[in-house]
Amino acid sequence: PPAAQGFAVHWDSHDVIVVQCEGRKHWRLY
């Protein structure tokens, strides 16, 4: 939903390619 966040900071055990399909998302890398 607008201005919401699903997950807090984390890492994944597999590589990912994120494909933005609708709207916009603000990403932060640490």
PDB file of all heavy atoms in Angstrom:
ATOM      1  N   PRO A   1       0.833  -1.212   0.000  1.00  0.00           N
ATOM      2  CA  PRO A   1       0.000   0.000   0.000  1.00  0.00           C
ATOM      3  C   PRO A   1       0.866   1.260   0.000  1.00  0.00           C
ATOM      4  O   PRO A   1       2.070   1.202   0.282  1.00  0.00           O
ATOM      5  CB  PRO A   1      -0.806  -0.114   1.301  1.00  0.00           C
ATOM      6  CG  PRO A   1      -0.677  -1.534   1.720  1.00  0.00           C
ATOM      7  CD  PRO A   1       0.643  -2.007   1.216  1.00  0.00           C
ATOM      8  N   PRO A   2       0.285   2.416  -0.295  1.00  0.00           N
ATOM      9  CA  PRO A   2       1.055   3.661  -0.321  1.00  0.00           C
ATOM     10  C   PRO A   2       1.806   3.913   0.985  1.00  0.00           C
ATOM     11  O   PRO A   2       1.266   3.735   2.080  1.00  0.00           O
ATOM     12  CB  PRO A   2      -0.016   4.735  -0.562  1.00  0.00           C
ATOM     13  CG  PRO A   2      -1.130   4.007  -1.242  1.00  0.00           C
ATOM     14  CD  PRO A   2      -1.128   2.623  -0.665  1.00  0.00           C
ATOM     15  N   ALA A   3       3.094   4.287   0.863  1.00  0.00           N
ATOM     16  CA  ALA A   3       3.950   4.675   1.993  1.00  0.00           C
ATOM     17  C   ALA A   3       4.166   3.563   3.007  1.00  0.00           C
ATOM     18  O   ALA A   3       4.634   3.814   4.111  1.00  0.00           O
ATOM     19  CB  ALA A   3       3.388   5.919   2.689  1.00  0.00           C
ATOM     20  N   ALA A   4       3.857   2.335   2.663  1.00  0.00           N
ATOM     21  CA  ALA A   4       3.993   1.211   3.599  1.00  0.00           C
ATOM     22  C   ALA A   4       5.280   0.432   3.321  1.00  0.00           C
ATOM     23  O   ALA A   4       5.904   0.560   2.267  1.00  0.00           O
ATOM     24  CB  ALA A   4       2.779   0.297   3.519  1.00  0.00           C
ATOM     25  N   GLN A   5       5.655  -0.417   4.300  1.00  0.00           N
ATOM     26  CA  GLN A   5       6.855  -1.249   4.197  1.00  0.00           C
ATOM     27  C   GLN A   5       6.521  -2.646   4.666  1.00  0.00           C
ATOM     28  O   GLN A   5       5.986  -2.835   5.765  1.00  0.00           O
ATOM     29  CB  GLN A   5       7.988  -0.657   5.031  1.00  0.00           C
ATOM     30  CG  GLN A   5       9.286  -1.451   4.985  1.00  0.00           C
ATOM     31  CD  GLN A   5      10.405  -0.772   5.765  1.00  0.00           C
ATOM     32  OE1 GLN A   5      10.158   0.164   6.528  1.00  0.00           O
ATOM     33  NE2 GLN A   5      11.628  -1.250   5.584  1.00  0.00           N
ATOM     34  N   GLY A   6       6.839  -3.641   3.821  1.00  0.00           N
ATOM     35  CA  GLY A   6       6.524  -5.016   4.181  1.00  0.00           C
ATOM     36  C   GLY A   6       7.541  -5.637   5.113  1.00  0.00           C
ATOM     37  O   GLY A   6       7.188  -6.225   6.135  1.00  0.00           O
ATOM     38  N   PHE A   7       8.826  -5.518   4.763  1.00  0.00           N
ATOM     39  CA  PHE A   7       9.891  -6.136   5.542  1.00  0.00           C
ATOM     40  C   PHE A   7      10.879  -5.090   6.029  1.00  0.00           C
ATOM     41  O   PHE A   7      11.188  -4.126   5.319  1.00  0.00           O
ATOM     42  CB  PHE A   7      10.659  -7.162   4.685  1.00  0.00           C
ATOM     43  CG  PHE A   7       9.845  -8.367   4.296  1.00  0.00           C
ATOM     44  CD1 PHE A   7       9.265  -8.458   3.043  1.00  0.00           C
ATOM     45  CD2 PHE A   7       9.666  -9.419   5.186  1.00  0.00           C
ATOM     46  CE1 PHE A   7       8.527  -9.561   2.676  1.00  0.00           C
ATOM     47  CE2 PHE A   7       8.925 -10.532   4.830  1.00  0.00           C
ATOM     48  CZ  PHE A   7       8.349 -10.604   3.571  1.00  0.00           C
ATOM     49  N   ALA A   8      11.404  -5.292   7.246  1.00  0.00           N
ATOM     50  CA  ALA A   8      12.500  -4.466   7.738  1.00  0.00           C
ATOM     51  C   ALA A   8      13.784  -4.870   7.009  1.00  0.00           C
ATOM     52  O   ALA A   8      13.788  -5.763   6.149  1.00  0.00           O
ATOM     53  CB  ALA A   8      12.645  -4.639   9.245  1.00  0.00           C
ATOM     54  N   VAL A   9      14.895  -4.235   7.355  1.00  0.00           N
ATOM     55  CA  VAL A   9      16.175  -4.528   6.712  1.00  0.00           C
ATOM     56  C   VAL A   9      16.502  -6.015   6.851  1.00  0.00           C
ATOM     57  O   VAL A   9      16.377  -6.600   7.924  1.00  0.00           O
ATOM     58  CB  VAL A   9      17.295  -3.689   7.353  1.00  0.00           C
ATOM     59  CG1 VAL A   9      18.622  -3.951   6.639  1.00  0.00           C
ATOM     60  CG2 VAL A   9      16.963  -2.207   7.287  1.00  0.00           C
ATOM     61  N   HIS A  10      16.943  -6.632   5.742  1.00  0.00           N
ATOM     62  CA  HIS A  10      17.278  -8.056   5.751  1.00  0.00           C
ATOM     63  C   HIS A  10      18.157  -8.377   4.555  1.00  0.00           C
ATOM     64  O   HIS A  10      18.396  -7.543   3.693  1.00  0.00           O
ATOM     65  CB  HIS A  10      16.007  -8.914   5.705  1.00  0.00           C
ATOM     66  CG  HIS A  10      15.255  -8.793   4.416  1.00  0.00           C
ATOM     67  ND1 HIS A  10      14.488  -7.692   4.099  1.00  0.00           N
ATOM     68  CD2 HIS A  10      15.166  -9.629   3.340  1.00  0.00           C
ATOM     69  CE1 HIS A  10      13.956  -7.847   2.901  1.00  0.00           C
ATOM     70  NE2 HIS A  10      14.353  -9.019   2.412  1.00  0.00           N
ATOM     71  N   TRP A  11      18.642  -9.628   4.492  1.00  0.00           N
ATOM     72  CA  TRP A  11      19.323 -10.125   3.306  1.00  0.00           C
ATOM     73  C   TRP A  11      18.677 -11.443   2.896  1.00  0.00           C
ATOM     74  O   TRP A  11      17.996 -12.091   3.684  1.00  0.00           O
ATOM     75  CB  TRP A  11      20.831 -10.305   3.532  1.00  0.00           C
ATOM     76  CG  TRP A  11      21.228 -11.126   4.742  1.00  0.00           C
ATOM     77  CD1 TRP A  11      21.596 -10.657   5.971  1.00  0.00           C
ATOM     78  CD2 TRP A  11      21.302 -12.562   4.830  1.00  0.00           C
ATOM     79  NE1 TRP A  11      21.886 -11.694   6.824  1.00  0.00           N
ATOM     80  CE2 TRP A  11      21.724 -12.880   6.151  1.00  0.00           C
ATOM     81  CE3 TRP A  11      21.069 -13.603   3.946  1.00  0.00           C
ATOM     82  CZ2 TRP A  11      21.900 -14.187   6.588  1.00  0.00           C
ATOM     83  CZ3 TRP A  11      21.236 -14.920   4.376  1.00  0.00           C
ATOM     84  CH2 TRP A  11      21.655 -15.191   5.689  1.00  0.00           C
ATOM     85  N   ASP A  12      18.869 -11.820   1.634  1.00  0.00           N
ATOM     86  CA  ASP A  12      18.318 -13.063   1.102  1.00  0.00           C
ATOM     87  C   ASP A  12      19.439 -14.056   0.823  1.00  0.00           C
ATOM     88  O   ASP A  12      20.579 -13.661   0.533  1.00  0.00           O
ATOM     89  CB  ASP A  12      17.542 -12.799  -0.201  1.00  0.00           C
ATOM     90  CG  ASP A  12      16.347 -11.888   0.028  1.00  0.00           C
ATOM     91  OD1 ASP A  12      15.546 -12.180   0.923  1.00  0.00           O
ATOM     92  OD2 ASP A  12      16.220 -10.883  -0.707  1.00  0.00           O
ATOM     93  N   SER A  13      19.114 -15.346   0.858  1.00  0.00           N
ATOM     94  CA  SER A  13      20.118 -16.374   0.604  1.00  0.00           C
ATOM     95  C   SER A  13      20.171 -16.780  -0.868  1.00  0.00           C
ATOM     96  O   SER A  13      20.807 -17.765  -1.219  1.00  0.00           O
ATOM     97  CB  SER A  13      19.840 -17.615   1.467  1.00  0.00           C
ATOM     98  OG  SER A  13      18.559 -18.146   1.182  1.00  0.00           O
ATOM     99  N   HIS A  14      19.490 -16.032  -1.733  1.00  0.00           N
ATOM    100  CA  HIS A  14      19.573 -16.260  -3.172  1.00  0.00           C
ATOM    101  C   HIS A  14      19.587 -14.904  -3.881  1.00  0.00           C
ATOM    102  O   HIS A  14      19.107 -13.906  -3.357  1.00  0.00           O
ATOM    103  CB  HIS A  14      18.395 -17.110  -3.670  1.00  0.00           C
ATOM    104  CG  HIS A  14      17.055 -16.549  -3.301  1.00  0.00           C
ATOM    105  ND1 HIS A  14      16.456 -16.809  -2.086  1.00  0.00           N
ATOM    106  CD2 HIS A  14      16.204 -15.728  -3.965  1.00  0.00           C
ATOM    107  CE1 HIS A  14      15.300 -16.184  -2.024  1.00  0.00           C
ATOM    108  NE2 HIS A  14      15.120 -15.513  -3.152  1.00  0.00           N
ATOM    109  N   ASP A  15      20.160 -14.870  -5.062  1.00  0.00           N
ATOM    110  CA  ASP A  15      20.212 -13.640  -5.848  1.00  0.00           C
ATOM    111  C   ASP A  15      18.820 -13.316  -6.372  1.00  0.00           C
ATOM    112  O   ASP A  15      18.025 -14.219  -6.681  1.00  0.00           O
ATOM    113  CB  ASP A  15      21.176 -13.800  -7.026  1.00  0.00           C
ATOM    114  CG  ASP A  15      22.589 -14.119  -6.571  1.00  0.00           C
ATOM    115  OD1 ASP A  15      22.870 -15.295  -6.271  1.00  0.00           O
ATOM    116  OD2 ASP A  15      23.389 -13.189  -6.507  1.00  0.00           O
ATOM    117  N   VAL A  16      18.516 -12.018  -6.512  1.00  0.00           N
ATOM    118  CA  VAL A  16      17.198 -11.620  -7.000  1.00  0.00           C
ATOM    119  C   VAL A  16      17.326 -10.495  -8.015  1.00  0.00           C
ATOM    120  O   VAL A  16      18.253  -9.681  -7.966  1.00  0.00           O
ATOM    121  CB  VAL A  16      16.260 -11.167  -5.853  1.00  0.00           C
ATOM    122  CG1 VAL A  16      16.074 -12.273  -4.826  1.00  0.00           C
ATOM    123  CG2 VAL A  16      16.754  -9.895  -5.185  1.00  0.00           C
ATOM    124  N   ILE A  17      16.379 -10.481  -8.945  1.00  0.00           N
ATOM    125  CA  ILE A  17      16.152  -9.318  -9.792  1.00  0.00           C
ATOM    126  C   ILE A  17      14.723  -8.874  -9.541  1.00  0.00           C
ATOM    127  O   ILE A  17      13.772  -9.633  -9.773  1.00  0.00           O
ATOM    128  CB  ILE A  17      16.384  -9.614 -11.278  1.00  0.00           C
ATOM    129  CG1 ILE A  17      17.852  -9.950 -11.530  1.00  0.00           C
ATOM    130  CG2 ILE A  17      15.972  -8.409 -12.133  1.00  0.00           C
ATOM    131  CD1 ILE A  17      18.192 -10.219 -12.996  1.00  0.00           C
ATOM    132  N   VAL A  18      14.577  -7.677  -9.037  1.00  0.00           N
ATOM    133  CA  VAL A  18      13.276  -7.107  -8.715  1.00  0.00           C
ATOM    134  C   VAL A  18      12.750  -6.379  -9.952  1.00  0.00           C
ATOM    135  O   VAL A  18      13.438  -5.514 -10.502  1.00  0.00           O
ATOM    136  CB  VAL A  18      13.383  -6.127  -7.529  1.00  0.00           C
ATOM    137  CG1 VAL A  18      12.055  -5.453  -7.271  1.00  0.00           C
ATOM    138  CG2 VAL A  18      13.885  -6.851  -6.294  1.00  0.00           C
ATOM    139  N   VAL A  19      11.546  -6.737 -10.407  1.00  0.00           N
ATOM    140  CA  VAL A  19      10.947  -6.114 -11.579  1.00  0.00           C
ATOM    141  C   VAL A  19       9.756  -5.284 -11.115  1.00  0.00           C
ATOM    142  O   VAL A  19       8.769  -5.834 -10.608  1.00  0.00           O
ATOM    143  CB  VAL A  19      10.493  -7.170 -12.600  1.00  0.00           C
ATOM    144  CG1 VAL A  19       9.906  -6.493 -13.838  1.00  0.00           C
ATOM    145  CG2 VAL A  19      11.667  -8.073 -12.998  1.00  0.00           C
ATOM    146  N   GLN A  20       9.842  -3.963 -11.253  1.00  0.00           N
ATOM    147  CA  GLN A  20       8.779  -3.067 -10.803  1.00  0.00           C
ATOM    148  C   GLN A  20       7.643  -3.070 -11.832  1.00  0.00           C
ATOM    149  O   GLN A  20       7.840  -2.681 -12.980  1.00  0.00           O
ATOM    150  CB  GLN A  20       9.315  -1.649 -10.613  1.00  0.00           C
ATOM    151  CG  GLN A  20       8.347  -0.696  -9.936  1.00  0.00           C
ATOM    152  CD  GLN A  20       8.110  -1.034  -8.464  1.00  0.00           C
ATOM    153  OE1 GLN A  20       8.949  -1.653  -7.826  1.00  0.00           O
ATOM    154  NE2 GLN A  20       6.971  -0.622  -7.931  1.00  0.00           N
ATOM    155  N   CYS A  21       6.460  -3.510 -11.402  1.00  0.00           N
ATOM    156  CA  CYS A  21       5.332  -3.680 -12.324  1.00  0.00           C
ATOM    157  C   CYS A  21       4.255  -2.614 -12.184  1.00  0.00           C
ATOM    158  O   CYS A  21       3.478  -2.399 -13.126  1.00  0.00           O
ATOM    159  CB  CYS A  21       4.703  -5.058 -12.108  1.00  0.00           C
ATOM    160  SG  CYS A  21       5.827  -6.436 -12.411  1.00  0.00           S
ATOM    161  N   GLU A  22       4.184  -1.978 -11.039  1.00  0.00           N
ATOM    162  CA  GLU A  22       3.150  -0.963 -10.792  1.00  0.00           C
ATOM    163  C   GLU A  22       3.668   0.009  -9.753  1.00  0.00           C
ATOM    164  O   GLU A  22       4.255  -0.393  -8.748  1.00  0.00           O
ATOM    165  CB  GLU A  22       1.866  -1.631 -10.284  1.00  0.00           C
ATOM    166  CG  GLU A  22       0.715  -0.686  -9.995  1.00  0.00           C
ATOM    167  CD  GLU A  22      -0.047  -0.277 -11.247  1.00  0.00           C
ATOM    168  OE1 GLU A  22       0.016  -1.037 -12.248  1.00  0.00           O
ATOM    169  OE2 GLU A  22      -0.704   0.770 -11.227  1.00  0.00           O
ATOM    170  N   GLY A  23       3.474   1.306  -9.983  1.00  0.00           N
ATOM    171  CA  GLY A  23       3.874   2.304  -9.009  1.00  0.00           C
ATOM    172  C   GLY A  23       5.380   2.445  -8.887  1.00  0.00           C
ATOM    173  O   GLY A  23       6.145   2.126  -9.795  1.00  0.00           O
ATOM    174  N   ARG A  24       5.826   2.897  -7.704  1.00  0.00           N
ATOM    175  CA  ARG A  24       7.236   3.179  -7.465  1.00  0.00           C
ATOM    176  C   ARG A  24       7.635   2.625  -6.101  1.00  0.00           C
ATOM    177  O   ARG A  24       6.804   2.494  -5.202  1.00  0.00           O
ATOM    178  CB  ARG A  24       7.482   4.695  -7.494  1.00  0.00           C
ATOM    179  CG  ARG A  24       6.938   5.378  -8.725  1.00  0.00           C
ATOM    180  CD  ARG A  24       6.802   6.873  -8.548  1.00  0.00           C
ATOM    181  NE  ARG A  24       8.104   7.527  -8.478  1.00  0.00           N
ATOM    182  CZ  ARG A  24       8.458   8.426  -7.571  1.00  0.00           C
ATOM    183  NH1 ARG A  24       7.604   8.771  -6.603  1.00  0.00           N
ATOM    184  NH2 ARG A  24       9.643   8.991  -7.602  1.00  0.00           N
ATOM    185  N   LYS A  25       8.927   2.316  -5.941  1.00  0.00           N
ATOM    186  CA  LYS A  25       9.401   1.830  -4.651  1.00  0.00           C
ATOM    187  C   LYS A  25      10.773   2.413  -4.358  1.00  0.00           C
ATOM    188  O   LYS A  25      11.655   2.432  -5.227  1.00  0.00           O
ATOM    189  CB  LYS A  25       9.470   0.301  -4.631  1.00  0.00           C
ATOM    190  CG  LYS A  25       9.360  -0.290  -3.227  1.00  0.00           C
ATOM    191  CD  LYS A  25       8.670  -1.632  -3.233  1.00  0.00           C
ATOM    192  CE  LYS A  25       8.099  -1.978  -1.864  1.00  0.00           C
ATOM    193  NZ  LYS A  25       7.411  -3.276  -1.870  1.00  0.00           N
ATOM    194  N   HIS A  26      10.931   2.869  -3.118  1.00  0.00           N
ATOM    195  CA  HIS A  26      12.183   3.465  -2.656  1.00  0.00           C
ATOM    196  C   HIS A  26      13.016   2.376  -1.992  1.00  0.00           C
ATOM    197  O   HIS A  26      12.625   1.812  -0.969  1.00  0.00           O
ATOM    198  CB  HIS A  26      11.869   4.608  -1.671  1.00  0.00           C
ATOM    199  CG  HIS A  26      13.089   5.263  -1.125  1.00  0.00           C
ATOM    200  ND1 HIS A  26      13.059   6.031   0.026  1.00  0.00           N
ATOM    201  CD2 HIS A  26      14.373   5.279  -1.549  1.00  0.00           C
ATOM    202  CE1 HIS A  26      14.280   6.478   0.284  1.00  0.00           C
ATOM    203  NE2 HIS A  26      15.087   6.032  -0.666  1.00  0.00           N
ATOM    204  N   TRP A  27      14.197   2.075  -2.587  1.00  0.00           N
ATOM    205  CA  TRP A  27      15.074   1.022  -2.088  1.00  0.00           C
ATOM    206  C   TRP A  27      16.292   1.611  -1.402  1.00  0.00           C
ATOM    207  O   TRP A  27      16.838   2.627  -1.840  1.00  0.00           O
ATOM    208  CB  TRP A  27      15.540   0.122  -3.246  1.00  0.00           C
ATOM    209  CG  TRP A  27      14.461  -0.785  -3.735  1.00  0.00           C
ATOM    210  CD1 TRP A  27      13.436  -0.467  -4.564  1.00  0.00           C
ATOM    211  CD2 TRP A  27      14.298  -2.167  -3.403  1.00  0.00           C
ATOM    212  NE1 TRP A  27      12.627  -1.544  -4.782  1.00  0.00           N
ATOM    213  CE2 TRP A  27      13.145  -2.612  -4.091  1.00  0.00           C
ATOM    214  CE3 TRP A  27      15.007  -3.064  -2.620  1.00  0.00           C
ATOM    215  CZ2 TRP A  27      12.680  -3.926  -3.985  1.00  0.00           C
ATOM    216  CZ3 TRP A  27      14.563  -4.367  -2.525  1.00  0.00           C
ATOM    217  CH2 TRP A  27      13.406  -4.789  -3.206  1.00  0.00           C
ATOM    218  N   ARG A  28      16.716   0.931  -0.326  1.00  0.00           N
ATOM    219  CA  ARG A  28      17.955   1.288   0.362  1.00  0.00           C
ATOM    220  C   ARG A  28      18.834   0.048   0.481  1.00  0.00           C
ATOM    221  O   ARG A  28      18.365  -1.011   0.886  1.00  0.00           O
ATOM    222  CB  ARG A  28      17.650   1.849   1.759  1.00  0.00           C
ATOM    223  CG  ARG A  28      16.905   3.183   1.723  1.00  0.00           C
ATOM    224  CD  ARG A  28      16.573   3.692   3.095  1.00  0.00           C
ATOM    225  NE  ARG A  28      15.635   2.834   3.806  1.00  0.00           N
ATOM    226  CZ  ARG A  28      14.933   3.212   4.876  1.00  0.00           C
ATOM    227  NH1 ARG A  28      15.076   4.437   5.361  1.00  0.00           N
ATOM    228  NH2 ARG A  28      14.103   2.364   5.468  1.00  0.00           N
ATOM    229  N   LEU A  29      20.088   0.205   0.099  1.00  0.00           N
ATOM    230  CA  LEU A  29      21.082  -0.863   0.203  1.00  0.00           C
ATOM    231  C   LEU A  29      22.100  -0.453   1.261  1.00  0.00           C
ATOM    232  O   LEU A  29      22.512   0.707   1.306  1.00  0.00           O
ATOM    233  CB  LEU A  29      21.767  -1.095  -1.144  1.00  0.00           C
ATOM    234  CG  LEU A  29      20.821  -1.336  -2.328  1.00  0.00           C
ATOM    235  CD1 LEU A  29      21.606  -1.467  -3.625  1.00  0.00           C
ATOM    236  CD2 LEU A  29      19.960  -2.576  -2.096  1.00  0.00           C
ATOM    237  N   TYR A  30      22.517  -1.421   2.098  1.00  0.00           N
ATOM    238  CA  TYR A  30      23.339  -1.112   3.266  1.00  0.00           C
ATOM    239  C   TYR A  30      24.746  -1.696   3.129  1.00  0.00           C
ATOM    240  O   TYR A  30      24.977  -2.661   2.399  1.00  0.00           O
ATOM    241  CB  TYR A  30      22.666  -1.646   4.532  1.00  0.00           C
ATOM    242  CG  TYR A  30      21.338  -0.980   4.828  1.00  0.00           C
ATOM    243  CD1 TYR A  30      20.172  -1.385   4.179  1.00  0.00           C
ATOM    244  CD2 TYR A  30      21.250   0.069   5.745  1.00  0.00           C
ATOM    245  CE1 TYR A  30      18.952  -0.771   4.441  1.00  0.00           C
ATOM    246  CE2 TYR A  30      20.036   0.677   6.014  1.00  0.00           C
ATOM    247  CZ  TYR A  30      18.898   0.261   5.358  1.00  0.00           C
ATOM    248  OH  TYR A  30      17.698   0.885   5.618  1.00  0.00           O
TER     249      TYR A  30
END
